[in-house]
Amino acid sequence: MVKQSIFGRIAQLAKANINSLLDNAEDPQKMLDQMVRDYTNNIAEAESAVAQTIGNLRMLEDDYNEDVRNAHDWGNKALAASRKADEFRSSGDVTDAEKFDNLAKVALQRQMAAESEAKGAEPSIASQREVVDKLKTGLDQMKGKLNQLTSKRNELVARSKTAAAQSQVHDAIKSIDIMDPTSEVGRFEEKIRREEAKVRGQQELAASSLDAQFNQLEDLGEQVEIEARLAALKSGGKSTQAIGSGNSAASASHVDEADFDKL
């Protein structure tokens, strides 16, 4: 029962599809670590079972070989006893002849018994040899799977470390990418741009206010000139410029043109 259990376990583990198991695993690396431990433990247990099975086979083979040797030895003894009986019979010693014939018969019986035991052990030995061969094959397959698992685990660990390193490099590059608005440099540049835009707005606002002040000064100078010319007219003098020669006075004094027709 124990032998069958070990054999079944070896066959099951040897046929395991590692890639399929990994595809369905939530954490492939942890599963690989566990599988490596399980395979290592099962291989140690299987090696012990296979060694015991091989030991049992060797005992059967030793017993078989001993039975074969005994059968051969008893056959030789039977032949020797029979020849001795013939010698005594030839010399007329019937008593000793019968005695050695009986010894030959006993030897033949023991030869037959040894041959029977050897023949009866042959099926068991053949079966044990088949089991041992299958166990050895399964054990070799398990060791191959263990090597595959170990290589796969090492590969995944290396790939995981490489991916982590690449991620760190990517994060470092991203943090100094001036074209990336989410980076520190990008945010600092955006802040400066906003400050520069604010300064330009203040400059434009200041320039607009200055232009308005100059326009007020021009309007004030025009009004002064008009008042001066009016005063000159009242005093009978002449203005330095013809009253109708400019458009500024007309635009400054809002009068009805019809009032001039009444003069």
Protein backbone atom coordinates (compact mmCIF):
# COMPACT_ATOMS: atom_id res chain seq x y z
CA MET A 1 0.00 0.00 0.00
CA VAL A 2 2.82 2.38 0.91
CA LYS A 3 4.69 1.41 -2.24
CA GLN A 4 1.65 2.13 -4.38
CA SER A 5 1.15 5.48 -2.67
CA ILE A 6 4.73 6.53 -3.34
CA PHE A 7 4.54 5.32 -6.94
CA GLY A 8 1.30 7.26 -7.51
CA ARG A 9 2.77 10.41 -6.02
CA ILE A 10 5.89 10.14 -8.16
CA ALA A 11 3.80 9.67 -11.30
CA GLN A 12 1.55 12.62 -10.41
CA LEU A 13 4.42 15.00 -9.67
CA ALA A 14 6.38 13.90 -12.73
CA LYS A 15 3.40 14.68 -15.00
CA ALA A 16 2.70 18.08 -13.43
CA ASN A 17 2.42 20.91 -15.98
CA ILE A 18 4.43 23.67 -14.34
CA ASN A 19 3.47 26.41 -16.83
CA SER A 20 -0.23 25.65 -16.43
CA LEU A 21 0.09 25.76 -12.64
CA LEU A 22 1.91 29.09 -12.81
CA ASP A 23 -0.72 30.60 -15.13
CA ASN A 24 -3.40 29.91 -12.53
CA ALA A 25 -1.34 31.07 -9.55
CA GLU A 26 -2.02 34.43 -7.87
CA ASP A 27 1.64 34.73 -6.82
CA PRO A 28 3.79 32.58 -9.16
CA GLN A 29 7.00 33.15 -7.21
CA LYS A 30 5.49 32.03 -3.90
CA MET A 31 3.92 29.04 -5.63
CA LEU A 32 7.28 28.13 -7.19
CA ASP A 33 9.01 28.37 -3.81
CA GLN A 34 6.37 26.09 -2.31
CA MET A 35 6.59 23.66 -5.22
CA VAL A 36 10.39 23.52 -4.91
CA ARG A 37 10.02 22.66 -1.22
CA ASP A 38 7.33 20.05 -1.95
CA TYR A 39 9.35 18.46 -4.76
CA THR A 40 12.50 18.39 -2.63
CA ASN A 41 10.64 16.71 0.25
CA ASN A 42 8.86 14.26 -2.03
CA ILE A 43 12.08 13.39 -3.84
CA ALA A 44 13.76 12.62 -0.52
CA GLU A 45 10.80 10.44 0.49
CA ALA A 46 10.69 8.79 -2.93
CA GLU A 47 14.42 8.07 -2.86
CA SER A 48 13.97 6.31 0.47
CA ALA A 49 11.05 4.28 -0.89
CA VAL A 50 12.91 3.42 -4.10
CA ALA A 51 15.99 2.38 -2.10
CA GLN A 52 13.82 0.11 0.06
CA THR A 53 12.18 -1.39 -3.02
CA ILE A 54 15.55 -1.99 -4.64
CA GLY A 55 16.75 -3.59 -1.40
CA ASN A 56 13.75 -5.95 -1.39
CA LEU A 57 14.45 -6.83 -5.01
CA ARG A 58 18.06 -7.59 -4.28
CA MET A 59 17.01 -9.91 -1.41
CA LEU A 60 14.65 -11.75 -3.75
CA GLU A 61 17.42 -12.03 -6.34
CA ASP A 62 19.85 -13.31 -3.70
CA ASP A 63 17.34 -15.95 -2.58
CA TYR A 64 16.69 -16.90 -6.18
CA ASN A 65 20.39 -17.20 -6.96
CA GLU A 66 20.88 -19.29 -3.83
CA ASP A 67 18.02 -21.62 -4.88
CA VAL A 68 19.58 -21.93 -8.33
CA ARG A 69 22.97 -22.76 -6.80
CA ASN A 70 21.37 -25.26 -4.41
CA ALA A 71 19.53 -26.92 -7.25
CA HIS A 72 22.78 -27.22 -9.17
CA ASP A 73 24.65 -28.52 -6.12
CA TRP A 74 21.98 -31.11 -5.29
CA GLY A 75 21.99 -32.21 -8.90
CA ASN A 76 25.74 -32.78 -8.75
CA LYS A 77 25.36 -34.65 -5.47
CA ALA A 78 22.60 -36.82 -6.95
CA LEU A 79 24.84 -37.59 -9.93
CA ALA A 80 27.80 -38.45 -7.66
CA ALA A 81 25.64 -40.69 -5.44
CA SER A 82 24.21 -42.46 -8.48
CA ARG A 83 27.68 -43.15 -9.90
CA LYS A 84 28.86 -44.40 -6.55
CA ALA A 85 25.86 -46.74 -6.36
CA ASP A 86 26.75 -48.04 -9.84
CA GLU A 87 30.31 -48.72 -8.74
CA PHE A 88 29.15 -50.68 -5.69
CA ARG A 89 26.66 -52.59 -7.82
CA SER A 90 29.34 -53.45 -10.33
CA SER A 91 31.51 -54.83 -7.53
CA GLY A 92 28.60 -56.92 -6.21
CA ASP A 93 27.97 -54.78 -3.13
CA VAL A 94 24.21 -54.43 -3.43
CA THR A 95 23.70 -52.99 0.03
CA ASP A 96 25.98 -50.01 -0.50
CA ALA A 97 24.62 -49.64 -4.04
CA GLU A 98 21.08 -49.25 -2.71
CA LYS A 99 22.34 -46.96 0.01
CA PHE A 100 23.87 -44.53 -2.51
CA ASP A 101 20.87 -44.84 -4.80
CA ASN A 102 18.73 -43.66 -1.89
CA LEU A 103 21.16 -40.80 -1.31
CA ALA A 104 20.84 -39.90 -4.99
CA LYS A 105 17.05 -39.87 -4.65
CA VAL A 106 17.21 -37.57 -1.61
CA ALA A 107 19.54 -35.22 -3.50
CA LEU A 108 17.19 -35.19 -6.48
CA GLN A 109 14.24 -34.34 -4.22
CA ARG A 110 16.15 -31.43 -2.73
CA GLN A 111 17.21 -30.34 -6.20
CA MET A 112 13.57 -30.29 -7.29
CA ALA A 113 12.57 -28.33 -4.17
CA ALA A 114 15.26 -25.72 -4.85
CA GLU A 115 14.24 -25.48 -8.48
CA SER A 116 10.61 -25.05 -7.45
CA GLU A 117 11.47 -22.23 -5.08
CA ALA A 118 13.60 -20.52 -7.71
CA LYS A 119 10.85 -20.85 -10.31
CA GLY A 120 8.23 -19.56 -7.88
CA ALA A 121 10.34 -16.46 -7.17
CA GLU A 122 10.75 -15.55 -10.82
CA PRO A 123 7.34 -13.75 -11.21
CA SER A 124 7.91 -11.75 -8.04
CA ILE A 125 11.39 -10.77 -9.15
CA ALA A 126 10.13 -9.73 -12.59
CA SER A 127 7.36 -7.65 -11.00
CA GLN A 128 9.76 -6.02 -8.56
CA ARG A 129 12.18 -5.20 -11.35
CA GLU A 130 9.39 -3.51 -13.30
CA VAL A 131 8.36 -1.49 -10.25
CA VAL A 132 11.95 -0.47 -9.56
CA ASP A 133 12.44 0.61 -13.17
CA LYS A 134 9.28 2.72 -13.06
CA LEU A 135 10.23 4.22 -9.72
CA LYS A 136 13.70 5.09 -11.02
CA THR A 137 12.21 6.67 -14.14
CA GLY A 138 9.67 8.62 -12.09
CA LEU A 139 12.37 9.72 -9.67
CA ASP A 140 14.54 10.94 -12.54
CA GLN A 141 11.56 12.82 -13.95
CA MET A 142 10.90 14.39 -10.56
CA LYS A 143 14.51 15.53 -10.34
CA GLY A 144 14.17 16.97 -13.84
CA LYS A 145 11.01 18.81 -12.77
CA LEU A 146 12.83 20.09 -9.70
CA ASN A 147 15.61 21.46 -11.89
CA GLN A 148 12.98 23.02 -14.13
CA LEU A 149 11.22 24.55 -11.14
CA THR A 150 14.45 25.89 -9.71
CA SER A 151 15.42 27.43 -13.06
CA LYS A 152 11.94 28.91 -13.48
CA ARG A 153 12.02 30.36 -9.98
CA ASN A 154 15.47 31.86 -10.53
CA GLU A 155 14.30 33.28 -13.85
CA LEU A 156 11.23 34.89 -12.27
CA VAL A 157 13.27 36.32 -9.41
CA ALA A 158 15.76 37.79 -11.87
CA ARG A 159 12.97 39.20 -14.04
CA SER A 160 11.25 40.66 -11.00
CA LYS A 161 14.45 42.39 -9.89
CA THR A 162 15.03 43.68 -13.42
CA ALA A 163 11.48 45.01 -13.62
CA ALA A 164 11.86 46.73 -10.25
CA ALA A 165 15.14 48.33 -11.35
CA GLN A 166 13.58 49.48 -14.62
CA SER A 167 10.65 50.95 -12.71
CA GLN A 168 13.02 52.88 -10.44
CA VAL A 169 14.93 54.20 -13.44
CA HIS A 170 11.68 55.16 -15.15
CA ASP A 171 10.49 57.02 -12.05
CA ALA A 172 13.82 58.82 -11.79
CA ILE A 173 13.72 59.87 -15.45
CA LYS A 174 10.11 60.91 -15.15
CA SER A 175 10.87 63.16 -12.17
CA ILE A 176 13.39 65.19 -14.20
CA ASP A 177 11.55 65.24 -17.51
CA ILE A 178 10.90 68.93 -18.19
CA MET A 179 8.25 68.03 -20.73
CA ASP A 180 6.28 66.11 -18.16
CA PRO A 181 3.78 68.45 -16.42
CA THR A 182 3.50 66.05 -13.51
CA SER A 183 7.22 66.17 -12.72
CA GLU A 184 8.80 68.46 -10.14
CA VAL A 185 10.72 70.43 -12.78
CA GLY A 186 7.60 70.74 -14.89
CA ARG A 187 5.58 72.13 -12.01
CA PHE A 188 8.36 74.59 -11.13
CA GLU A 189 8.56 75.76 -14.75
CA GLU A 190 4.78 76.21 -14.85
CA LYS A 191 4.97 78.37 -11.72
CA ILE A 192 7.64 80.59 -13.31
CA ARG A 193 5.57 80.93 -16.48
CA ARG A 194 2.60 82.09 -14.46
CA GLU A 195 4.74 84.67 -12.65
CA GLU A 196 6.14 85.92 -15.96
CA ALA A 197 2.63 86.21 -17.40
CA LYS A 198 1.55 88.18 -14.32
CA VAL A 199 4.44 90.64 -14.79
CA ARG A 200 3.51 91.13 -18.46
CA GLY A 201 -0.07 91.81 -17.44
CA GLN A 202 1.07 94.40 -14.90
CA GLN A 203 3.25 96.06 -17.53
CA GLU A 204 0.38 96.24 -20.01
CA LEU A 205 -1.88 97.66 -17.34
CA ALA A 206 0.70 100.30 -16.40
CA ALA A 207 1.22 101.28 -20.04
CA SER A 208 -2.54 101.68 -20.57
CA SER A 209 -2.82 103.98 -17.53
CA LEU A 210 0.07 106.16 -18.79
CA ASP A 211 -1.52 106.56 -22.22
CA ALA A 212 -4.73 107.75 -20.56
CA GLN A 213 -2.81 110.36 -18.58
CA PHE A 214 -1.15 111.71 -21.72
CA ASN A 215 -4.55 111.91 -23.44
CA GLN A 216 -5.89 113.95 -20.53
CA LEU A 217 -2.95 116.33 -20.83
CA GLU A 218 -3.60 116.80 -24.54
CA ASP A 219 -7.29 117.57 -23.90
CA LEU A 220 -6.33 120.08 -21.18
CA GLY A 221 -3.84 121.90 -23.49
CA GLU A 222 -6.49 122.20 -26.19
CA GLN A 223 -8.99 123.72 -23.79
CA VAL A 224 -6.43 126.27 -22.59
CA GLU A 225 -5.75 127.34 -26.17
CA ILE A 226 -9.44 127.82 -26.83
CA GLU A 227 -9.84 130.00 -23.77
CA ALA A 228 -6.80 132.06 -24.79
CA ARG A 229 -8.16 132.68 -28.26
CA LEU A 230 -11.55 133.65 -26.90
CA ALA A 231 -9.94 136.15 -24.61
CA ALA A 232 -7.97 137.60 -27.53
CA LEU A 233 -11.16 138.06 -29.54
CA LYS A 234 -12.84 139.92 -26.74
CA SER A 235 -9.89 142.23 -26.40
CA GLY A 236 -9.88 143.00 -30.16
CA GLY A 237 -6.63 141.18 -30.79
CA LYS A 238 -5.77 138.51 -33.26
CA SER A 239 -5.16 134.96 -32.45
CA THR A 240 -1.94 133.32 -33.51
CA GLN A 241 -3.95 130.82 -35.57
CA ALA A 242 -7.12 131.13 -37.59
CA ILE A 243 -10.13 130.21 -35.55
CA GLY A 244 -11.43 127.78 -38.15
CA SER A 245 -8.11 126.30 -39.11
CA GLY A 246 -8.14 123.47 -36.57
CA ASN A 247 -10.58 120.68 -35.76
CA SER A 248 -9.70 120.46 -32.08
CA ALA A 249 -11.69 123.50 -31.04
CA ALA A 250 -14.74 122.34 -32.90
CA SER A 251 -14.57 118.99 -31.26
CA ALA A 252 -13.99 120.50 -27.81
CA SER A 253 -16.93 123.01 -27.89
CA HIS A 254 -20.15 121.17 -28.34
CA VAL A 255 -22.30 123.86 -30.09
CA ASP A 256 -25.10 123.83 -32.57
CA GLU A 257 -23.87 124.90 -36.06
CA ALA A 258 -27.16 126.75 -36.59
CA ASP A 259 -26.18 129.31 -33.97
CA PHE A 260 -23.50 130.67 -36.33
CA ASP A 261 -26.18 131.55 -38.92
CA LYS A 262 -27.79 133.94 -36.43
CA LEU A 263 -24.65 136.09 -36.25
